[in-house]
PDB file of N, CA and C in Angstrom:
ATOM      1  N   UNK A   1     148.145 179.960 137.806  1.00  0.00           N
ATOM      2  CA  UNK A   1     149.192 180.090 136.878  1.00  0.00           C
ATOM      3  C   UNK A   1     150.443 180.302 137.449  1.00  0.00           C
ATOM      4  N   UNK A   2     150.612 180.853 138.644  1.00  0.00           N
ATOM      5  CA  UNK A   2     152.061 180.922 139.279  1.00  0.00           C
ATOM      6  C   UNK A   2     152.392 179.669 139.709  1.00  0.00           C
ATOM      7  N   UNK A   3     151.658 178.734 140.041  1.00  0.00           N
ATOM      8  CA  UNK A   3     152.130 177.381 140.340  1.00  0.00           C
ATOM      9  C   UNK A   3     152.556 176.714 139.083  1.00  0.00           C
ATOM     10  N   UNK A   4     151.912 176.932 138.175  1.00  0.00           N
ATOM     11  CA  UNK A   4     152.346 176.421 136.623  1.00  0.00           C
ATOM     12  C   UNK A   4     153.785 176.662 136.279  1.00  0.00           C
ATOM     13  N   UNK A   5     153.978 178.110 136.436  1.00  0.00           N
ATOM     14  CA  UNK A   5     155.392 178.554 136.132  1.00  0.00           C
ATOM     15  C   UNK A   5     156.163 177.981 137.041  1.00  0.00           C
ATOM     16  N   UNK A   6     155.973 177.931 138.282  1.00  0.00           N
ATOM     17  CA  UNK A   6     157.019 177.287 139.229  1.00  0.00           C
ATOM     18  C   UNK A   6     157.192 175.713 138.887  1.00  0.00           C
ATOM     19  N   UNK A   7     156.294 174.981 138.394  1.00  0.00           N
ATOM     20  CA  UNK A   7     156.455 173.660 137.976  1.00  0.00           C
ATOM     21  C   UNK A   7     157.212 173.685 136.928  1.00  0.00           C
ATOM     22  N   UNK A   8     157.010 174.419 135.902  1.00  0.00           N
ATOM     23  CA  UNK A   8     157.747 174.371 134.537  1.00  0.00           C
ATOM     24  C   UNK A   8     159.260 174.905 134.843  1.00  0.00           C
ATOM     25  N   UNK A   9     159.346 175.648 135.763  1.00  0.00           N
ATOM     26  CA  UNK A   9     160.863 176.132 136.102  1.00  0.00           C
ATOM     27  C   UNK A   9     161.330 175.141 136.866  1.00  0.00           C
ATOM     28  N   UNK A  10     160.685 174.469 137.725  1.00  0.00           N
ATOM     29  CA  UNK A  10     161.414 173.192 138.415  1.00  0.00           C
ATOM     30  C   UNK A  10     161.731 172.099 137.645  1.00  0.00           C
ATOM     31  N   UNK A  11     160.943 171.834 136.696  1.00  0.00           N
ATOM     32  CA  UNK A  11     161.298 170.776 135.688  1.00  0.00           C
ATOM     33  C   UNK A  11     162.474 171.207 134.864  1.00  0.00           C
ATOM     34  N   UNK A  12     162.506 172.267 134.246  1.00  0.00           N
ATOM     35  CA  UNK A  12     163.594 172.678 133.516  1.00  0.00           C
ATOM     36  C   UNK A  12     164.749 172.688 134.324  1.00  0.00           C
ATOM     37  N   UNK A  13     164.907 173.137 135.389  1.00  0.00           N
ATOM     38  CA  UNK A  13     166.028 173.256 136.354  1.00  0.00           C
ATOM     39  C   UNK A  13     166.519 171.576 136.484  1.00  0.00           C
ATOM     40  N   UNK A  14     165.658 170.971 137.070  1.00  0.00           N
ATOM     41  CA  UNK A  14     165.983 169.436 137.351  1.00  0.00           C
ATOM     42  C   UNK A  14     166.563 168.660 136.190  1.00  0.00           C
ATOM     43  N   UNK A  15     166.104 169.079 135.006  1.00  0.00           N
ATOM     44  CA  UNK A  15     166.437 168.167 133.942  1.00  0.00           C
ATOM     45  C   UNK A  15     167.559 168.831 132.940  1.00  0.00           C
ATOM     46  N   UNK A  16     167.501 170.110 132.863  1.00  0.00           N
ATOM     47  CA  UNK A  16     168.524 170.960 131.964  1.00  0.00           C
ATOM     48  C   UNK A  16     169.916 171.002 132.746  1.00  0.00           C
ATOM     49  N   UNK A  17     169.984 170.894 134.092  1.00  0.00           N
ATOM     50  CA  UNK A  17     171.415 171.021 134.641  1.00  0.00           C
ATOM     51  C   UNK A  17     172.085 169.731 134.309  1.00  0.00           C
ATOM     52  N   UNK A  18     171.470 168.620 133.922  1.00  0.00           N
ATOM     53  CA  UNK A  18     172.223 167.245 133.813  1.00  0.00           C
ATOM     54  C   UNK A  18     172.250 166.893 132.326  1.00  0.00           C
ATOM     55  N   UNK A  19     171.700 167.637 131.323  1.00  0.00           N
ATOM     56  CA  UNK A  19     171.699 167.399 129.964  1.00  0.00           C
ATOM     57  C   UNK A  19     172.400 168.371 129.046  1.00  0.00           C
ATOM     58  N   UNK A  20     172.471 167.900 127.945  1.00  0.00           N
ATOM     59  CA  UNK A  20     173.094 168.810 126.895  1.00  0.00           C
ATOM     60  C   UNK A  20     172.106 169.881 126.386  1.00  0.00           C
ATOM     61  N   UNK A  21     172.476 170.828 125.647  1.00  0.00           N
ATOM     62  CA  UNK A  21     171.445 171.900 125.221  1.00  0.00           C
ATOM     63  C   UNK A  21     170.332 171.362 124.533  1.00  0.00           C
ATOM     64  N   UNK A  22     170.640 170.522 123.518  1.00  0.00           N
ATOM     65  CA  UNK A  22     169.326 170.110 122.652  1.00  0.00           C
ATOM     66  C   UNK A  22     168.395 169.300 123.332  1.00  0.00           C
ATOM     67  N   UNK A  23     168.774 168.321 124.141  1.00  0.00           N
ATOM     68  CA  UNK A  23     167.778 167.709 124.900  1.00  0.00           C
ATOM     69  C   UNK A  23     167.088 168.426 125.880  1.00  0.00           C
ATOM     70  N   UNK A  24     167.865 169.413 126.488  1.00  0.00           N
ATOM     71  CA  UNK A  24     167.181 170.224 127.630  1.00  0.00           C
ATOM     72  C   UNK A  24     166.042 171.234 126.965  1.00  0.00           C
ATOM     73  N   UNK A  25     166.660 171.679 125.600  1.00  0.00           N
ATOM     74  CA  UNK A  25     165.682 172.590 124.977  1.00  0.00           C
ATOM     75  C   UNK A  25     164.364 171.818 124.573  1.00  0.00           C
ATOM     76  N   UNK A  26     164.558 170.596 124.112  1.00  0.00           N
ATOM     77  CA  UNK A  26     163.297 169.881 123.613  1.00  0.00           C
ATOM     78  C   UNK A  26     162.531 169.561 124.918  1.00  0.00           C
ATOM     79  N   UNK A  27     163.197 169.191 126.034  1.00  0.00           N
ATOM     80  CA  UNK A  27     162.286 168.800 127.131  1.00  0.00           C
ATOM     81  C   UNK A  27     161.479 170.043 127.597  1.00  0.00           C
ATOM     82  N   UNK A  28     162.186 171.280 127.656  1.00  0.00           N
ATOM     83  CA  UNK A  28     161.405 172.711 127.997  1.00  0.00           C
ATOM     84  C   UNK A  28     160.455 172.779 127.023  1.00  0.00           C
ATOM     85  N   UNK A  29     160.585 172.596 125.815  1.00  0.00           N
ATOM     86  CA  UNK A  29     159.293 172.884 124.811  1.00  0.00           C
ATOM     87  C   UNK A  29     158.203 171.908 125.088  1.00  0.00           C
ATOM     88  N   UNK A  30     158.559 170.878 125.263  1.00  0.00           N
ATOM     89  CA  UNK A  30     157.644 169.638 125.605  1.00  0.00           C
ATOM     90  C   UNK A  30     156.936 170.069 126.747  1.00  0.00           C
ATOM     91  N   UNK A  31     157.598 170.151 127.797  1.00  0.00           N
ATOM     92  CA  UNK A  31     156.909 170.537 129.052  1.00  0.00           C
ATOM     93  C   UNK A  31     156.077 171.858 129.039  1.00  0.00           C
ATOM     94  N   UNK A  32     156.551 172.717 128.281  1.00  0.00           N
ATOM     95  CA  UNK A  32     155.662 174.096 128.059  1.00  0.00           C
ATOM     96  C   UNK A  32     154.430 173.663 127.372  1.00  0.00           C
ATOM     97  N   UNK A  33     154.676 172.847 126.431  1.00  0.00           N
ATOM     98  CA  UNK A  33     153.384 172.739 125.378  1.00  0.00           C
ATOM     99  C   UNK A  33     152.494 171.613 126.260  1.00  0.00           C
ATOM    100  N   UNK A  34     152.899 170.834 126.978  1.00  0.00           N
ATOM    101  CA  UNK A  34     151.967 169.879 127.898  1.00  0.00           C
ATOM    102  C   UNK A  34     151.183 170.712 128.846  1.00  0.00           C
ATOM    103  N   UNK A  35     151.961 171.606 129.576  1.00  0.00           N
ATOM    104  CA  UNK A  35     151.126 172.502 130.338  1.00  0.00           C
ATOM    105  C   UNK A  35     150.147 173.499 129.724  1.00  0.00           C
ATOM    106  N   UNK A  36     150.533 173.905 128.610  1.00  0.00           N
ATOM    107  CA  UNK A  36     149.464 174.821 127.794  1.00  0.00           C
ATOM    108  C   UNK A  36     148.272 173.888 127.259  1.00  0.00           C
ATOM    109  N   UNK A  37     148.633 172.820 127.083  1.00  0.00           N
ATOM    110  CA  UNK A  37     147.381 171.820 126.713  1.00  0.00           C
ATOM    111  C   UNK A  37     146.327 171.753 127.799  1.00  0.00           C
ATOM    112  N   UNK A  38     147.103 171.389 128.886  1.00  0.00           N
ATOM    113  CA  UNK A  38     146.218 171.148 130.123  1.00  0.00           C
ATOM    114  C   UNK A  38     145.655 172.400 130.543  1.00  0.00           C
ATOM    115  N   UNK A  39     146.230 173.494 130.576  1.00  0.00           N
ATOM    116  CA  UNK A  39     145.515 174.800 130.935  1.00  0.00           C
ATOM    117  C   UNK A  39     144.551 175.034 129.910  1.00  0.00           C
ATOM    118  N   UNK A  40     144.859 174.917 128.714  1.00  0.00           N
ATOM    119  CA  UNK A  40     143.708 175.172 127.582  1.00  0.00           C
ATOM    120  C   UNK A  40     142.519 174.226 127.799  1.00  0.00           C
ATOM    121  N   UNK A  41     142.784 173.119 127.978  1.00  0.00           N
ATOM    122  CA  UNK A  41     141.558 172.043 128.112  1.00  0.00           C
ATOM    123  C   UNK A  41     140.832 172.364 129.393  1.00  0.00           C
ATOM    124  N   UNK A  42     141.482 172.826 130.672  1.00  0.00           N
ATOM    125  CA  UNK A  42     140.958 173.067 131.653  1.00  0.00           C
ATOM    126  C   UNK A  42     139.866 174.253 131.585  1.00  0.00           C
ATOM    127  N   UNK A  43     140.589 175.395 130.834  1.00  0.00           N
ATOM    128  CA  UNK A  43     139.823 176.635 130.515  1.00  0.00           C
ATOM    129  C   UNK A  43     138.576 176.330 129.650  1.00  0.00           C
ATOM    130  N   UNK A  44     138.868 175.473 128.701  1.00  0.00           N
ATOM    131  CA  UNK A  44     137.688 175.124 127.635  1.00  0.00           C
ATOM    132  C   UNK A  44     136.492 174.483 128.380  1.00  0.00           C
ATOM    133  N   UNK A  45     136.926 173.609 129.276  1.00  0.00           N
ATOM    134  CA  UNK A  45     135.957 172.724 129.939  1.00  0.00           C
ATOM    135  C   UNK A  45     135.207 173.673 130.861  1.00  0.00           C
ATOM    136  N   UNK A  46     135.868 174.576 131.701  1.00  0.00           N
ATOM    137  CA  UNK A  46     135.147 175.458 132.577  1.00  0.00           C
ATOM    138  C   UNK A  46     134.240 176.485 131.877  1.00  0.00           C
ATOM    139  N   UNK A  47     134.709 176.963 130.734  1.00  0.00           N
ATOM    140  CA  UNK A  47     133.986 177.884 129.977  1.00  0.00           C
ATOM    141  C   UNK A  47     132.641 177.162 129.408  1.00  0.00           C
ATOM    142  N   UNK A  48     132.832 175.990 128.947  1.00  0.00           N
ATOM    143  CA  UNK A  48     131.690 175.308 128.169  1.00  0.00           C
ATOM    144  C   UNK A  48     130.645 175.018 129.376  1.00  0.00           C
ATOM    145  N   UNK A  49     131.147 174.333 130.601  1.00  0.00           N
ATOM    146  CA  UNK A  49     130.164 174.062 131.586  1.00  0.00           C
ATOM    147  C   UNK A  49     129.568 175.358 132.332  1.00  0.00           C
ATOM    148  N   UNK A  50     130.476 176.363 132.480  1.00  0.00           N
ATOM    149  CA  UNK A  50     130.014 177.550 133.008  1.00  0.00           C
ATOM    150  C   UNK A  50     129.185 178.578 132.255  1.00  0.00           C
ATOM    151  N   UNK A  51     129.462 178.552 131.228  1.00  0.00           N
ATOM    152  CA  UNK A  51     128.759 179.655 130.317  1.00  0.00           C
ATOM    153  C   UNK A  51     127.937 178.863 129.141  1.00  0.00           C
ATOM    154  N   UNK A  52     128.291 177.808 128.680  1.00  0.00           N
ATOM    155  CA  UNK A  52     127.738 177.195 127.643  1.00  0.00           C
ATOM    156  C   UNK A  52     128.103 177.241 126.426  1.00  0.00           C
ATOM    157  N   UNK A  53     129.432 178.051 126.260  1.00  0.00           N
ATOM    158  CA  UNK A  53     130.239 178.413 125.064  1.00  0.00           C
ATOM    159  C   UNK A  53     131.621 178.699 125.350  1.00  0.00           C
ATOM    160  N   UNK A  54     132.275 178.531 124.330  1.00  0.00           N
ATOM    161  CA  UNK A  54     133.794 178.675 124.422  1.00  0.00           C
ATOM    162  C   UNK A  54     134.141 179.960 123.455  1.00  0.00           C
ATOM    163  N   UNK A  55     134.979 180.849 124.156  1.00  0.00           N
ATOM    164  CA  UNK A  55     135.541 181.909 123.562  1.00  0.00           C
ATOM    165  C   UNK A  55     134.381 182.968 123.288  1.00  0.00           C
ATOM    166  N   UNK A  56     133.261 182.859 124.012  1.00  0.00           N
ATOM    167  CA  UNK A  56     132.118 183.741 123.819  1.00  0.00           C
ATOM    168  C   UNK A  56     131.161 183.574 122.759  1.00  0.00           C
ATOM    169  N   UNK A  57     131.737 182.785 121.669  1.00  0.00           N
ATOM    170  CA  UNK A  57     130.976 182.561 120.246  1.00  0.00           C
ATOM    171  C   UNK A  57     130.413 181.221 120.202  1.00  0.00           C
ATOM    172  N   UNK A  58     131.278 180.069 120.316  1.00  0.00           N
ATOM    173  CA  UNK A  58     130.803 178.877 120.012  1.00  0.00           C
ATOM    174  C   UNK A  58     129.771 178.445 121.080  1.00  0.00           C
ATOM    175  N   UNK A  59     128.870 178.188 120.632  1.00  0.00           N
ATOM    176  CA  UNK A  59     127.572 177.803 121.662  1.00  0.00           C
ATOM    177  C   UNK A  59     127.365 176.263 121.584  1.00  0.00           C
ATOM    178  N   UNK A  60     127.332 175.784 122.847  1.00  0.00           N
ATOM    179  CA  UNK A  60     126.926 174.497 123.020  1.00  0.00           C
ATOM    180  C   UNK A  60     125.459 174.038 122.956  1.00  0.00           C
ATOM    181  N   UNK A  61     124.742 175.066 122.824  1.00  0.00           N
ATOM    182  CA  UNK A  61     123.186 174.883 122.818  1.00  0.00           C
ATOM    183  C   UNK A  61     122.524 175.268 124.135  1.00  0.00           C
ATOM    184  N   UNK A  62     123.363 175.973 125.239  1.00  0.00           N
ATOM    185  CA  UNK A  62     122.755 176.152 126.401  1.00  0.00           C
ATOM    186  C   UNK A  62     121.984 177.560 126.383  1.00  0.00           C
ATOM    187  N   UNK A  63     121.103 177.602 127.045  1.00  0.00           N
ATOM    188  CA  UNK A  63     120.484 179.004 127.158  1.00  0.00           C
ATOM    189  C   UNK A  63     121.394 180.091 127.744  1.00  0.00           C
ATOM    190  N   UNK A  64     121.106 181.163 127.647  1.00  0.00           N
ATOM    191  CA  UNK A  64     122.047 182.245 128.267  1.00  0.00           C
ATOM    192  C   UNK A  64     122.084 182.320 129.550  1.00  0.00           C
ATOM    193  N   UNK A  65     120.890 181.750 130.427  1.00  0.00           N
ATOM    194  CA  UNK A  65     120.579 181.864 131.698  1.00  0.00           C
ATOM    195  C   UNK A  65     121.325 180.570 132.302  1.00  0.00           C
ATOM    196  N   UNK A  66     121.563 179.503 131.578  1.00  0.00           N
ATOM    197  CA  UNK A  66     122.037 178.266 131.939  1.00  0.00           C
ATOM    198  C   UNK A  66     123.616 178.209 132.415  1.00  0.00           C
ATOM    199  N   UNK A  67     123.958 177.076 132.645  1.00  0.00           N
ATOM    200  CA  UNK A  67     125.452 177.056 133.140  1.00  0.00           C
ATOM    201  C   UNK A  67     125.546 176.888 134.423  1.00  0.00           C
ATOM    202  N   UNK A  68     126.724 176.320 134.941  1.00  0.00           N
ATOM    203  CA  UNK A  68     126.963 175.978 136.221  1.00  0.00           C
ATOM    204  C   UNK A  68     127.866 177.034 136.861  1.00  0.00           C
ATOM    205  N   UNK A  69     127.456 177.639 137.778  1.00  0.00           N
ATOM    206  CA  UNK A  69     128.128 178.945 138.290  1.00  0.00           C
ATOM    207  C   UNK A  69     129.465 178.427 138.927  1.00  0.00           C
ATOM    208  N   UNK A  70     129.532 177.245 139.576  1.00  0.00           N
ATOM    209  CA  UNK A  70     130.754 177.003 140.326  1.00  0.00           C
ATOM    210  C   UNK A  70     131.927 176.609 139.431  1.00  0.00           C
ATOM    211  N   UNK A  71     131.514 176.413 138.108  1.00  0.00           N
ATOM    212  CA  UNK A  71     132.596 175.925 137.150  1.00  0.00           C
ATOM    213  C   UNK A  71     133.239 177.276 136.874  1.00  0.00           C
ATOM    214  N   UNK A  72     132.802 178.517 136.974  1.00  0.00           N
ATOM    215  CA  UNK A  72     133.490 179.864 136.506  1.00  0.00           C
ATOM    216  C   UNK A  72     134.286 180.260 137.689  1.00  0.00           C
ATOM    217  N   UNK A  73     133.981 179.910 138.975  1.00  0.00           N
ATOM    218  CA  UNK A  73     134.419 180.441 140.124  1.00  0.00           C
ATOM    219  C   UNK A  73     135.884 179.607 140.356  1.00  0.00           C
ATOM    220  N   UNK A  74     136.689 180.108 141.211  1.00  0.00           N
ATOM    221  CA  UNK A  74     137.998 179.467 141.578  1.00  0.00           C
ATOM    222  C   UNK A  74     137.807 177.998 141.976  1.00  0.00           C
ATOM    223  N   UNK A  75     136.769 177.552 142.784  1.00  0.00           N
ATOM    224  CA  UNK A  75     136.711 176.166 143.112  1.00  0.00           C
ATOM    225  C   UNK A  75     136.380 175.163 141.952  1.00  0.00           C
ATOM    226  N   UNK A  76     135.828 175.701 140.836  1.00  0.00           N
ATOM    227  CA  UNK A  76     135.528 175.176 139.793  1.00  0.00           C
ATOM    228  C   UNK A  76     136.949 174.689 138.779  1.00  0.00           C
ATOM    229  N   UNK A  77     137.916 175.471 139.013  1.00  0.00           N
ATOM    230  CA  UNK A  77     139.185 174.995 138.472  1.00  0.00           C
ATOM    231  C   UNK A  77     139.860 173.856 139.183  1.00  0.00           C
ATOM    232  N   UNK A  78     139.587 173.505 140.624  1.00  0.00           N
ATOM    233  CA  UNK A  78     140.038 172.470 141.366  1.00  0.00           C
ATOM    234  C   UNK A  78     139.377 171.504 140.827  1.00  0.00           C
ATOM    235  N   UNK A  79     138.039 171.520 140.783  1.00  0.00           N
ATOM    236  CA  UNK A  79     137.099 170.513 140.405  1.00  0.00           C
ATOM    237  C   UNK A  79     137.315 169.947 139.091  1.00  0.00           C
ATOM    238  N   UNK A  80     137.540 170.786 138.288  1.00  0.00           N
ATOM    239  CA  UNK A  80     137.966 170.492 136.659  1.00  0.00           C
ATOM    240  C   UNK A  80     139.249 169.861 136.800  1.00  0.00           C
ATOM    241  N   UNK A  81     140.366 170.319 137.515  1.00  0.00           N
ATOM    242  CA  UNK A  81     141.590 169.560 137.510  1.00  0.00           C
ATOM    243  C   UNK A  81     141.507 168.213 138.084  1.00  0.00           C
ATOM    244  N   UNK A  82     140.680 168.233 139.210  1.00  0.00           N
ATOM    245  CA  UNK A  82     140.401 166.755 139.630  1.00  0.00           C
ATOM    246  C   UNK A  82     139.825 165.856 138.691  1.00  0.00           C
ATOM    247  N   UNK A  83     138.938 166.300 137.897  1.00  0.00           N
ATOM    248  CA  UNK A  83     138.260 165.430 136.709  1.00  0.00           C
ATOM    249  C   UNK A  83     139.353 165.090 135.705  1.00  0.00           C
ATOM    250  N   UNK A  84     140.218 165.972 135.303  1.00  0.00           N
ATOM    251  CA  UNK A  84     141.280 165.663 134.320  1.00  0.00           C
ATOM    252  C   UNK A  84     142.190 164.693 134.838  1.00  0.00           C
ATOM    253  N   UNK A  85     142.675 164.818 136.129  1.00  0.00           N
ATOM    254  CA  UNK A  85     143.354 163.953 136.769  1.00  0.00           C
ATOM    255  C   UNK A  85     142.793 162.421 136.788  1.00  0.00           C
ATOM    256  N   UNK A  86     141.525 162.360 137.253  1.00  0.00           N
ATOM    257  CA  UNK A  86     140.790 161.020 137.326  1.00  0.00           C
ATOM    258  C   UNK A  86     140.736 160.569 135.753  1.00  0.00           C
ATOM    259  N   UNK A  87     140.378 161.456 134.877  1.00  0.00           N
ATOM    260  CA  UNK A  87     140.625 160.893 133.452  1.00  0.00           C
ATOM    261  C   UNK A  87     141.806 160.375 133.096  1.00  0.00           C
ATOM    262  N   UNK A  88     142.912 161.005 133.602  1.00  0.00           N
ATOM    263  CA  UNK A  88     144.196 160.351 133.078  1.00  0.00           C
ATOM    264  C   UNK A  88     144.507 159.118 133.829  1.00  0.00           C
ATOM    265  N   UNK A  89     144.200 159.051 135.056  1.00  0.00           N
ATOM    266  CA  UNK A  89     144.315 157.791 135.930  1.00  0.00           C
ATOM    267  C   UNK A  89     143.631 156.764 135.418  1.00  0.00           C
ATOM    268  N   UNK A  90     142.281 156.929 134.895  1.00  0.00           N
ATOM    269  CA  UNK A  90     141.502 155.959 134.238  1.00  0.00           C
ATOM    270  C   UNK A  90     142.124 155.302 132.920  1.00  0.00           C
ATOM    271  N   UNK A  91     142.591 156.441 132.157  1.00  0.00           N
ATOM    272  CA  UNK A  91     143.161 155.967 130.750  1.00  0.00           C
ATOM    273  C   UNK A  91     144.566 155.216 131.073  1.00  0.00           C
ATOM    274  N   UNK A  92     145.177 155.564 131.985  1.00  0.00           N
ATOM    275  CA  UNK A  92     146.515 154.866 132.368  1.00  0.00           C
ATOM    276  C   UNK A  92     146.234 153.498 132.946  1.00  0.00           C
ATOM    277  N   UNK A  93     145.047 153.255 133.516  1.00  0.00           N
ATOM    278  CA  UNK A  93     144.802 151.991 134.261  1.00  0.00           C
ATOM    279  C   UNK A  93     144.310 151.040 133.043  1.00  0.00           C
ATOM    280  N   UNK A  94     143.540 151.470 132.058  1.00  0.00           N
ATOM    281  CA  UNK A  94     143.080 150.759 130.888  1.00  0.00           C
ATOM    282  C   UNK A  94     144.262 150.436 129.969  1.00  0.00           C
ATOM    283  N   UNK A  95     145.152 151.225 129.848  1.00  0.00           N
ATOM    284  CA  UNK A  95     146.322 151.107 129.031  1.00  0.00           C
ATOM    285  C   UNK A  95     147.289 149.947 129.778  1.00  0.00           C
ATOM    286  N   UNK A  96     147.410 149.974 131.007  1.00  0.00           N
ATOM    287  CA  UNK A  96     148.161 148.969 131.817  1.00  0.00           C
ATOM    288  C   UNK A  96     147.504 147.591 131.770  1.00  0.00           C
ATOM    289  N   UNK A  97     146.078 147.717 131.836  1.00  0.00           N
ATOM    290  CA  UNK A  97     145.264 146.216 131.721  1.00  0.00           C
ATOM    291  C   UNK A  97     145.699 145.598 130.195  1.00  0.00           C
ATOM    292  N   UNK A  98     145.474 146.743 129.212  1.00  0.00           N
ATOM    293  CA  UNK A  98     145.783 146.018 127.973  1.00  0.00           C
ATOM    294  C   UNK A  98     147.075 145.360 127.734  1.00  0.00           C
ATOM    295  N   UNK A  99     148.073 146.196 128.222  1.00  0.00           N
ATOM    296  CA  UNK A  99     149.433 145.868 128.058  1.00  0.00           C
ATOM    297  C   UNK A  99     149.737 144.487 128.758  1.00  0.00           C
ATOM    298  N   UNK A 100     149.042 144.249 130.021  1.00  0.00           N
ATOM    299  CA  UNK A 100     149.257 143.206 130.798  1.00  0.00           C
ATOM    300  C   UNK A 100     148.414 141.941 130.123  1.00  0.00           C
ATOM    301  N   UNK A 101     147.213 142.198 129.331  1.00  0.00           N
ATOM    302  CA  UNK A 101     146.534 141.080 128.899  1.00  0.00           C
ATOM    303  C   UNK A 101     147.295 140.711 127.609  1.00  0.00           C
ATOM    304  N   UNK A 102     147.868 141.614 126.926  1.00  0.00           N
ATOM    305  CA  UNK A 102     148.445 141.468 125.692  1.00  0.00           C
ATOM    306  C   UNK A 102     149.819 140.542 126.127  1.00  0.00           C
ATOM    307  N   UNK A 103     150.645 140.966 126.997  1.00  0.00           N
ATOM    308  CA  UNK A 103     151.917 140.158 127.478  1.00  0.00           C
ATOM    309  C   UNK A 103     151.457 138.722 127.992  1.00  0.00           C
ATOM    310  N   UNK A 104     150.279 138.607 128.694  1.00  0.00           N
ATOM    311  CA  UNK A 104     149.871 137.307 129.112  1.00  0.00           C
ATOM    312  C   UNK A 104     149.434 136.322 127.923  1.00  0.00           C
ATOM    313  N   UNK A 105     148.720 137.008 126.890  1.00  0.00           N
ATOM    314  CA  UNK A 105     148.494 136.177 125.698  1.00  0.00           C
ATOM    315  C   UNK A 105     149.698 135.729 124.934  1.00  0.00           C
ATOM    316  N   UNK A 106     150.745 136.708 124.919  1.00  0.00           N
ATOM    317  CA  UNK A 106     152.106 136.333 124.299  1.00  0.00           C
ATOM    318  C   UNK A 106     152.736 135.207 125.163  1.00  0.00           C
ATOM    319  N   UNK A 107     152.791 135.304 126.477  1.00  0.00           N
ATOM    320  CA  UNK A 107     153.256 134.301 127.229  1.00  0.00           C
ATOM    321  C   UNK A 107     152.557 132.882 127.199  1.00  0.00           C
ATOM    322  N   UNK A 108     151.139 132.793 127.045  1.00  0.00           N
ATOM    323  CA  UNK A 108     150.566 131.700 126.958  1.00  0.00           C
ATOM    324  C   UNK A 108     150.602 130.956 125.394  1.00  0.00           C
ATOM    325  N   UNK A 109     150.529 131.922 124.449  1.00  0.00           N
ATOM    326  CA  UNK A 109     150.937 131.567 123.194  1.00  0.00           C
ATOM    327  C   UNK A 109     152.109 130.994 122.801  1.00  0.00           C
ATOM    328  N   UNK A 110     153.146 131.400 123.379  1.00  0.00           N
ATOM    329  CA  UNK A 110     154.616 131.077 123.439  1.00  0.00           C
ATOM    330  C   UNK A 110     154.657 129.595 124.038  1.00  0.00           C
ATOM    331  N   UNK A 111     154.184 129.503 125.165  1.00  0.00           N
ATOM    332  CA  UNK A 111     154.047 128.285 125.974  1.00  0.00           C
ATOM    333  C   UNK A 111     153.602 126.940 125.235  1.00  0.00           C
ATOM    334  N   UNK A 112     152.671 127.202 124.352  1.00  0.00           N
ATOM    335  CA  UNK A 112     151.910 126.159 123.775  1.00  0.00           C
ATOM    336  C   UNK A 112     152.556 125.390 122.745  1.00  0.00           C
TER     337      UNK A 112
END
């Protein structure tokens, strides 16, 4: 959480010092919401894998003795973050391939 605060403050300082108030405020809100979404996703993923439930009530069908202990320990956060980064990279590559194939189809279609 400390690193998250530093990252948000660094982003705000880098962007807000060169922008007007409204774009700087909008960027600060968007940055804060983005970090909140990532931290909530990471926390929910760790709870689900580690305990088999989210918020102590919503069960995923695991037994009470089940769950992956490392998911609830500090290394589990790093593993979870690595998985989220890998997922983002995979989705970015898929998007880039789709855009590349779409632009190639437009070029080929326009040349015909």
